[in-house]
Amino acid sequence: MPNNHEQIKQWIREGEGSQLEFKTQVPDTWKIAKTICAFANTRGGHIVVGVMDNGEIVGIIDQQNEINKLKAAAYQYCYPAVDIEFEIYTDNYLPILVVKVSEGHEKPYRALHQNGKDIAYVRVRDKTLIASRAVEKSLLNEPVKTNDDNNDTPQRTLNSKEQGLINYLEKREQITLKEFMQLMNLSKRRARRLLVDLVREGILRIHDHSGDEYYTLS
């Protein structure tokens, strides 16, 4: 029996985020491959096809065509290939396709761009971003989180400055070294040390796009 829309409605209430993406329909194969790779490089996630960005459930017309495009994206446009699973949610004759992408074991995953280049991506809140050189390097040695891991609870007790930073990043998308110094009234040396420690522990990611260094939650 297919699932009804209750789970879909719950996801709509939560909104797009680090592990959830809505699509009205599957876009070009190389475009959806970016999202699949980003989820595989981060904590996994779900792509919900048949829902508009504003949360309106519109359903899909050709289920098999959408599935075929997603399979091509995951197996032909992602390197290494990414395992995906499908579920159909149906209510009022409106089928919704849900694609589950698990966190991968062969990071970093790269997506083949239409220009022929393969690029690594990561998920930061509700955005799919190109992975910086620093992030790609960290992905090589990053352990895969299991269902027993509590992603929201670090293995050690954070000090007040670190916890304040986590609280800030849960509301904001990113922070720079200078912003962290000002936020917590820290010296440059102290602020950088705290950030480096959190990156090493897998709590933060460091990004260096175009030479502009900033940090996000992992």
C-alpha atoms as a PDB file:
ATOM      1  CA  MET A   1       0.000   0.000   0.000  1.00  0.00           C
ATOM      2  CA  PRO A   2       1.358   3.454  -0.868  1.00  0.00           C
ATOM      3  CA  ASN A   3       1.847   5.985   1.906  1.00  0.00           C
ATOM      4  CA  ASN A   4      -0.522   8.928   2.295  1.00  0.00           C
ATOM      5  CA  HIS A   5       0.485  12.579   2.470  1.00  0.00           C
ATOM      6  CA  GLU A   6       0.786  12.924   6.260  1.00  0.00           C
ATOM      7  CA  GLN A   7       4.577  12.581   6.165  1.00  0.00           C
ATOM      8  CA  ILE A   8       4.727  15.004   3.232  1.00  0.00           C
ATOM      9  CA  LYS A   9       2.671  17.563   5.154  1.00  0.00           C
ATOM     10  CA  GLN A  10       4.987  17.206   8.137  1.00  0.00           C
ATOM     11  CA  TRP A  11       8.006  17.869   5.925  1.00  0.00           C
ATOM     12  CA  ILE A  12       6.249  20.893   4.421  1.00  0.00           C
ATOM     13  CA  ARG A  13       5.677  22.288   7.918  1.00  0.00           C
ATOM     14  CA  GLU A  14       9.377  21.819   8.676  1.00  0.00           C
ATOM     15  CA  GLY A  15      10.457  23.430   5.399  1.00  0.00           C
ATOM     16  CA  GLU A  16      13.547  22.822   3.284  1.00  0.00           C
ATOM     17  CA  GLY A  17      16.752  22.339   5.223  1.00  0.00           C
ATOM     18  CA  SER A  18      20.027  20.501   5.436  1.00  0.00           C
ATOM     19  CA  GLN A  19      18.308  17.151   4.823  1.00  0.00           C
ATOM     20  CA  LEU A  20      15.229  18.107   2.821  1.00  0.00           C
ATOM     21  CA  GLU A  21      14.692  19.500  -0.683  1.00  0.00           C
ATOM     22  CA  PHE A  22      11.414  20.082  -2.548  1.00  0.00           C
ATOM     23  CA  LYS A  23      11.111  19.831  -6.341  1.00  0.00           C
ATOM     24  CA  THR A  24       8.055  20.356  -8.513  1.00  0.00           C
ATOM     25  CA  GLN A  25       9.639  17.944 -10.972  1.00  0.00           C
ATOM     26  CA  VAL A  26      13.093  16.484 -11.505  1.00  0.00           C
ATOM     27  CA  PRO A  27      15.254  19.107 -13.269  1.00  0.00           C
ATOM     28  CA  ASP A  28      18.076  18.399 -15.735  1.00  0.00           C
ATOM     29  CA  THR A  29      20.020  15.303 -14.721  1.00  0.00           C
ATOM     30  CA  TRP A  30      23.259  17.175 -13.986  1.00  0.00           C
ATOM     31  CA  LYS A  31      21.374  19.664 -11.786  1.00  0.00           C
ATOM     32  CA  ILE A  32      19.698  17.076  -9.552  1.00  0.00           C
ATOM     33  CA  ALA A  33      23.011  15.187  -9.349  1.00  0.00           C
ATOM     34  CA  LYS A  34      24.409  18.184  -7.422  1.00  0.00           C
ATOM     35  CA  THR A  35      21.774  17.789  -4.708  1.00  0.00           C
ATOM     36  CA  ILE A  36      22.265  14.020  -4.530  1.00  0.00           C
ATOM     37  CA  CYS A  37      26.035  14.441  -4.102  1.00  0.00           C
ATOM     38  CA  ALA A  38      25.555  17.178  -1.518  1.00  0.00           C
ATOM     39  CA  PHE A  39      23.356  14.912   0.628  1.00  0.00           C
ATOM     40  CA  ALA A  40      25.785  11.995   0.231  1.00  0.00           C
ATOM     41  CA  ASN A  41      28.679  14.230   1.310  1.00  0.00           C
ATOM     42  CA  THR A  42      26.813  15.580   4.319  1.00  0.00           C
ATOM     43  CA  ARG A  43      24.237  13.741   6.451  1.00  0.00           C
ATOM     44  CA  GLY A  44      22.000  12.317   3.787  1.00  0.00           C
ATOM     45  CA  GLY A  45      18.503  13.594   3.101  1.00  0.00           C
ATOM     46  CA  HIS A  46      15.250  13.377   1.161  1.00  0.00           C
ATOM     47  CA  ILE A  47      14.322  14.910  -2.180  1.00  0.00           C
ATOM     48  CA  VAL A  48      10.542  15.304  -2.427  1.00  0.00           C
ATOM     49  CA  VAL A  49       9.287  15.548  -6.014  1.00  0.00           C
ATOM     50  CA  GLY A  50       5.803  16.931  -6.625  1.00  0.00           C
ATOM     51  CA  VAL A  51       5.851  19.782  -4.094  1.00  0.00           C
ATOM     52  CA  MET A  52       6.360  23.454  -4.936  1.00  0.00           C
ATOM     53  CA  ASP A  53       8.752  25.674  -2.973  1.00  0.00           C
ATOM     54  CA  ASN A  54       5.762  27.304  -1.234  1.00  0.00           C
ATOM     55  CA  GLY A  55       4.623  23.885   0.027  1.00  0.00           C
ATOM     56  CA  GLU A  56       1.753  23.322  -2.411  1.00  0.00           C
ATOM     57  CA  ILE A  57       1.343  19.633  -3.244  1.00  0.00           C
ATOM     58  CA  VAL A  58       0.976  19.302  -7.024  1.00  0.00           C
ATOM     59  CA  GLY A  59       1.976  15.674  -7.556  1.00  0.00           C
ATOM     60  CA  ILE A  60       3.839  14.146 -10.494  1.00  0.00           C
ATOM     61  CA  ILE A  61       2.514  12.921 -13.839  1.00  0.00           C
ATOM     62  CA  ASP A  62       5.008  10.335 -15.058  1.00  0.00           C
ATOM     63  CA  GLN A  63       6.458   8.442 -12.095  1.00  0.00           C
ATOM     64  CA  GLN A  64       8.734   6.185 -14.116  1.00  0.00           C
ATOM     65  CA  ASN A  65      10.204   9.067 -16.103  1.00  0.00           C
ATOM     66  CA  GLU A  66      11.089  10.932 -12.901  1.00  0.00           C
ATOM     67  CA  ILE A  67      12.609   7.793 -11.386  1.00  0.00           C
ATOM     68  CA  ASN A  68      14.663   7.161 -14.516  1.00  0.00           C
ATOM     69  CA  LYS A  69      16.098  10.702 -14.429  1.00  0.00           C
ATOM     70  CA  LEU A  70      17.012  10.319 -10.758  1.00  0.00           C
ATOM     71  CA  LYS A  71      18.670   6.957 -11.349  1.00  0.00           C
ATOM     72  CA  ALA A  72      20.690   8.436 -14.211  1.00  0.00           C
ATOM     73  CA  ALA A  73      21.747  11.318 -11.950  1.00  0.00           C
ATOM     74  CA  ALA A  74      22.788   9.058  -9.060  1.00  0.00           C
ATOM     75  CA  TYR A  75      24.477   6.305 -11.049  1.00  0.00           C
ATOM     76  CA  GLN A  76      25.832   8.084 -14.133  1.00  0.00           C
ATOM     77  CA  TYR A  77      26.364  11.700 -13.080  1.00  0.00           C
ATOM     78  CA  CYS A  78      27.658  11.096  -9.535  1.00  0.00           C
ATOM     79  CA  TYR A  79      31.152   9.750  -8.905  1.00  0.00           C
ATOM     80  CA  PRO A  80      31.333   7.444  -7.083  1.00  0.00           C
ATOM     81  CA  ALA A  81      27.755   6.355  -7.770  1.00  0.00           C
ATOM     82  CA  VAL A  82      25.294   7.158  -4.972  1.00  0.00           C
ATOM     83  CA  ASP A  83      22.755   4.614  -3.719  1.00  0.00           C
ATOM     84  CA  ILE A  84      19.210   6.000  -3.594  1.00  0.00           C
ATOM     85  CA  GLU A  85      15.835   4.593  -2.561  1.00  0.00           C
ATOM     86  CA  PHE A  86      12.328   5.517  -3.736  1.00  0.00           C
ATOM     87  CA  GLU A  87       8.931   5.743  -2.063  1.00  0.00           C
ATOM     88  CA  ILE A  88       5.583   6.861  -3.502  1.00  0.00           C
ATOM     89  CA  TYR A  89       3.152   8.806  -1.316  1.00  0.00           C
ATOM     90  CA  THR A  90      -0.377   9.064  -2.768  1.00  0.00           C
ATOM     91  CA  ASP A  91      -3.445  10.966  -1.591  1.00  0.00           C
ATOM     92  CA  ASN A  92      -6.371  12.442  -3.567  1.00  0.00           C
ATOM     93  CA  TYR A  93      -4.878  10.955  -6.732  1.00  0.00           C
ATOM     94  CA  LEU A  94      -1.718  13.067  -6.302  1.00  0.00           C
ATOM     95  CA  PRO A  95       1.406  10.867  -6.248  1.00  0.00           C
ATOM     96  CA  ILE A  96       4.523  12.291  -4.588  1.00  0.00           C
ATOM     97  CA  LEU A  97       7.926  10.744  -5.239  1.00  0.00           C
ATOM     98  CA  VAL A  98      10.349  10.707  -2.306  1.00  0.00           C
ATOM     99  CA  VAL A  99      14.021   9.946  -2.895  1.00  0.00           C
ATOM    100  CA  LYS A 100      16.103   8.898   0.096  1.00  0.00           C
ATOM    101  CA  VAL A 101      19.829   9.635  -0.162  1.00  0.00           C
ATOM    102  CA  SER A 102      21.976   8.121   2.577  1.00  0.00           C
ATOM    103  CA  GLU A 103      25.242   9.607   3.792  1.00  0.00           C
ATOM    104  CA  GLY A 104      27.964   8.027   1.687  1.00  0.00           C
ATOM    105  CA  HIS A 105      30.975   5.932   2.636  1.00  0.00           C
ATOM    106  CA  GLU A 106      33.216   7.055  -0.242  1.00  0.00           C
ATOM    107  CA  LYS A 107      33.449  10.814   0.217  1.00  0.00           C
ATOM    108  CA  PRO A 108      33.947  13.176  -1.439  1.00  0.00           C
ATOM    109  CA  TYR A 109      31.233  12.551  -4.027  1.00  0.00           C
ATOM    110  CA  ARG A 110      31.333  14.669  -7.176  1.00  0.00           C
ATOM    111  CA  ALA A 111      28.667  15.534  -9.729  1.00  0.00           C
ATOM    112  CA  LEU A 112      29.368  15.822 -13.426  1.00  0.00           C
ATOM    113  CA  HIS A 113      28.569  19.358 -14.575  1.00  0.00           C
ATOM    114  CA  GLN A 114      27.244  20.097 -18.056  1.00  0.00           C
ATOM    115  CA  ASN A 115      30.629  21.672 -18.868  1.00  0.00           C
ATOM    116  CA  GLY A 116      32.300  18.296 -18.330  1.00  0.00           C
ATOM    117  CA  LYS A 117      33.881  19.095 -14.969  1.00  0.00           C
ATOM    118  CA  ASP A 118      33.172  16.986 -11.877  1.00  0.00           C
ATOM    119  CA  ILE A 119      32.527  19.084  -8.778  1.00  0.00           C
ATOM    120  CA  ALA A 120      31.995  18.164  -5.117  1.00  0.00           C
ATOM    121  CA  TYR A 121      29.032  19.668  -3.280  1.00  0.00           C
ATOM    122  CA  VAL A 122      27.879  19.869   0.327  1.00  0.00           C
ATOM    123  CA  ARG A 123      24.603  20.796   1.956  1.00  0.00           C
ATOM    124  CA  VAL A 124      24.523  23.897   4.193  1.00  0.00           C
ATOM    125  CA  ARG A 125      21.087  24.500   5.692  1.00  0.00           C
ATOM    126  CA  ASP A 126      18.734  24.662   2.666  1.00  0.00           C
ATOM    127  CA  LYS A 127      21.439  25.330   0.072  1.00  0.00           C
ATOM    128  CA  THR A 128      23.622  23.096  -2.075  1.00  0.00           C
ATOM    129  CA  LEU A 129      27.119  24.627  -2.240  1.00  0.00           C
ATOM    130  CA  ILE A 130      30.327  23.802  -4.061  1.00  0.00           C
ATOM    131  CA  ALA A 131      32.729  22.204  -1.588  1.00  0.00           C
ATOM    132  CA  SER A 132      35.852  24.270  -1.032  1.00  0.00           C
ATOM    133  CA  ARG A 133      39.298  22.681  -1.122  1.00  0.00           C
ATOM    134  CA  ALA A 134      39.311  22.666   2.679  1.00  0.00           C
ATOM    135  CA  VAL A 135      35.972  20.894   2.844  1.00  0.00           C
ATOM    136  CA  GLU A 136      36.984  18.301   0.236  1.00  0.00           C
ATOM    137  CA  LYS A 137      40.087  17.533   2.259  1.00  0.00           C
ATOM    138  CA  SER A 138      38.074  17.127   5.452  1.00  0.00           C
ATOM    139  CA  LEU A 139      35.552  14.840   3.727  1.00  0.00           C
ATOM    140  CA  LEU A 140      38.297  12.326   2.954  1.00  0.00           C
ATOM    141  CA  ASN A 141      38.755  11.542   6.648  1.00  0.00           C
ATOM    142  CA  GLU A 142      35.261  12.277   7.906  1.00  0.00           C
ATOM    143  CA  PRO A 143      33.564   9.324   9.645  1.00  0.00           C
ATOM    144  CA  VAL A 144      30.038   8.434   8.570  1.00  0.00           C
ATOM    145  CA  LYS A 145      27.484   9.118  11.292  1.00  0.00           C
ATOM    146  CA  THR A 146      25.323   6.161  12.274  1.00  0.00           C
ATOM    147  CA  ASN A 147      21.755   6.022  13.543  1.00  0.00           C
ATOM    148  CA  ASP A 148      23.172   5.707  17.054  1.00  0.00           C
ATOM    149  CA  ASP A 149      24.948   9.045  16.764  1.00  0.00           C
ATOM    150  CA  ASN A 150      23.227  12.109  18.122  1.00  0.00           C
ATOM    151  CA  ASN A 151      24.179  14.714  15.530  1.00  0.00           C
ATOM    152  CA  ASP A 152      23.091  17.588  17.741  1.00  0.00           C
ATOM    153  CA  THR A 153      25.167  16.612  20.786  1.00  0.00           C
ATOM    154  CA  PRO A 154      28.970  16.879  20.653  1.00  0.00           C
ATOM    155  CA  GLN A 155      30.997  14.177  22.385  1.00  0.00           C
ATOM    156  CA  ARG A 156      32.357  16.692  24.886  1.00  0.00           C
ATOM    157  CA  THR A 157      30.826  19.597  26.774  1.00  0.00           C
ATOM    158  CA  LEU A 158      31.205  22.834  24.861  1.00  0.00           C
ATOM    159  CA  ASN A 159      32.335  25.960  26.661  1.00  0.00           C
ATOM    160  CA  SER A 160      30.121  29.048  26.663  1.00  0.00           C
ATOM    161  CA  LYS A 161      31.853  30.620  23.643  1.00  0.00           C
ATOM    162  CA  GLU A 162      31.520  27.443  21.554  1.00  0.00           C
ATOM    163  CA  GLN A 163      27.891  26.903  22.558  1.00  0.00           C
ATOM    164  CA  GLY A 164      27.130  30.531  21.769  1.00  0.00           C
ATOM    165  CA  LEU A 165      28.602  29.993  18.306  1.00  0.00           C
ATOM    166  CA  ILE A 166      26.493  26.861  17.750  1.00  0.00           C
ATOM    167  CA  ASN A 167      23.350  28.751  18.807  1.00  0.00           C
ATOM    168  CA  TYR A 168      24.251  31.565  16.418  1.00  0.00           C
ATOM    169  CA  LEU A 169      24.792  29.201  13.474  1.00  0.00           C
ATOM    170  CA  GLU A 170      21.509  27.401  14.130  1.00  0.00           C
ATOM    171  CA  LYS A 171      19.796  30.709  13.310  1.00  0.00           C
ATOM    172  CA  ARG A 172      22.273  32.125  10.789  1.00  0.00           C
ATOM    173  CA  GLU A 173      23.864  30.368   7.841  1.00  0.00           C
ATOM    174  CA  GLN A 174      27.545  31.168   8.354  1.00  0.00           C
ATOM    175  CA  ILE A 175      30.108  33.174  10.275  1.00  0.00           C
ATOM    176  CA  THR A 176      33.571  34.558   9.579  1.00  0.00           C
ATOM    177  CA  LEU A 177      36.519  34.675  11.947  1.00  0.00           C
ATOM    178  CA  LYS A 178      36.091  38.424  12.372  1.00  0.00           C
ATOM    179  CA  GLU A 179      32.373  38.072  13.108  1.00  0.00           C
ATOM    180  CA  PHE A 180      33.099  35.372  15.698  1.00  0.00           C
ATOM    181  CA  MET A 181      35.707  37.592  17.354  1.00  0.00           C
ATOM    182  CA  GLN A 182      33.194  40.443  17.610  1.00  0.00           C
ATOM    183  CA  LEU A 183      30.307  38.205  18.656  1.00  0.00           C
ATOM    184  CA  MET A 184      32.191  36.654  21.584  1.00  0.00           C
ATOM    185  CA  ASN A 185      34.685  39.477  22.273  1.00  0.00           C
ATOM    186  CA  LEU A 186      37.674  37.225  21.574  1.00  0.00           C
ATOM    187  CA  SER A 187      41.196  37.840  20.389  1.00  0.00           C
ATOM    188  CA  LYS A 188      42.011  36.652  16.878  1.00  0.00           C
ATOM    189  CA  ARG A 189      44.280  33.900  18.211  1.00  0.00           C
ATOM    190  CA  ARG A 190      41.704  32.593  20.686  1.00  0.00           C
ATOM    191  CA  ALA A 191      38.839  32.744  18.183  1.00  0.00           C
ATOM    192  CA  ARG A 192      40.786  30.892  15.497  1.00  0.00           C
ATOM    193  CA  ARG A 193      41.843  28.198  17.970  1.00  0.00           C
ATOM    194  CA  LEU A 194      38.241  27.547  18.969  1.00  0.00           C
ATOM    195  CA  LEU A 195      37.122  27.395  15.344  1.00  0.00           C
ATOM    196  CA  VAL A 196      39.945  25.019  14.388  1.00  0.00           C
ATOM    197  CA  ASP A 197      39.070  22.706  17.294  1.00  0.00           C
ATOM    198  CA  LEU A 198      35.409  22.592  16.223  1.00  0.00           C
ATOM    199  CA  VAL A 199      36.371  21.867  12.617  1.00  0.00           C
ATOM    200  CA  ARG A 200      38.657  19.016  13.713  1.00  0.00           C
ATOM    201  CA  GLU A 201      35.856  17.530  15.799  1.00  0.00           C
ATOM    202  CA  GLY A 202      33.469  17.591  12.834  1.00  0.00           C
ATOM    203  CA  ILE A 203      31.114  20.142  14.401  1.00  0.00           C
ATOM    204  CA  LEU A 204      31.929  22.913  11.911  1.00  0.00           C
ATOM    205  CA  ARG A 205      32.983  23.064   8.282  1.00  0.00           C
ATOM    206  CA  ILE A 206      35.404  25.627   6.918  1.00  0.00           C
ATOM    207  CA  HIS A 207      34.768  27.121   3.464  1.00  0.00           C
ATOM    208  CA  ASP A 208      37.161  29.228   1.423  1.00  0.00           C
ATOM    209  CA  HIS A 209      35.321  30.187  -1.751  1.00  0.00           C
ATOM    210  CA  SER A 210      37.054  32.967  -3.670  1.00  0.00           C
ATOM    211  CA  GLY A 211      39.454  33.441  -0.777  1.00  0.00           C
ATOM    212  CA  ASP A 212      36.660  34.424   1.635  1.00  0.00           C
ATOM    213  CA  GLU A 213      36.924  32.049   4.592  1.00  0.00           C
ATOM    214  CA  TYR A 214      33.804  31.309   6.617  1.00  0.00           C
ATOM    215  CA  TYR A 215      32.368  28.567   8.829  1.00  0.00           C
ATOM    216  CA  THR A 216      29.076  26.647   8.910  1.00  0.00           C
ATOM    217  CA  LEU A 217      27.636  23.830  10.970  1.00  0.00           C
ATOM    218  CA  SER A 218      28.759  20.435   9.686  1.00  0.00           C
END
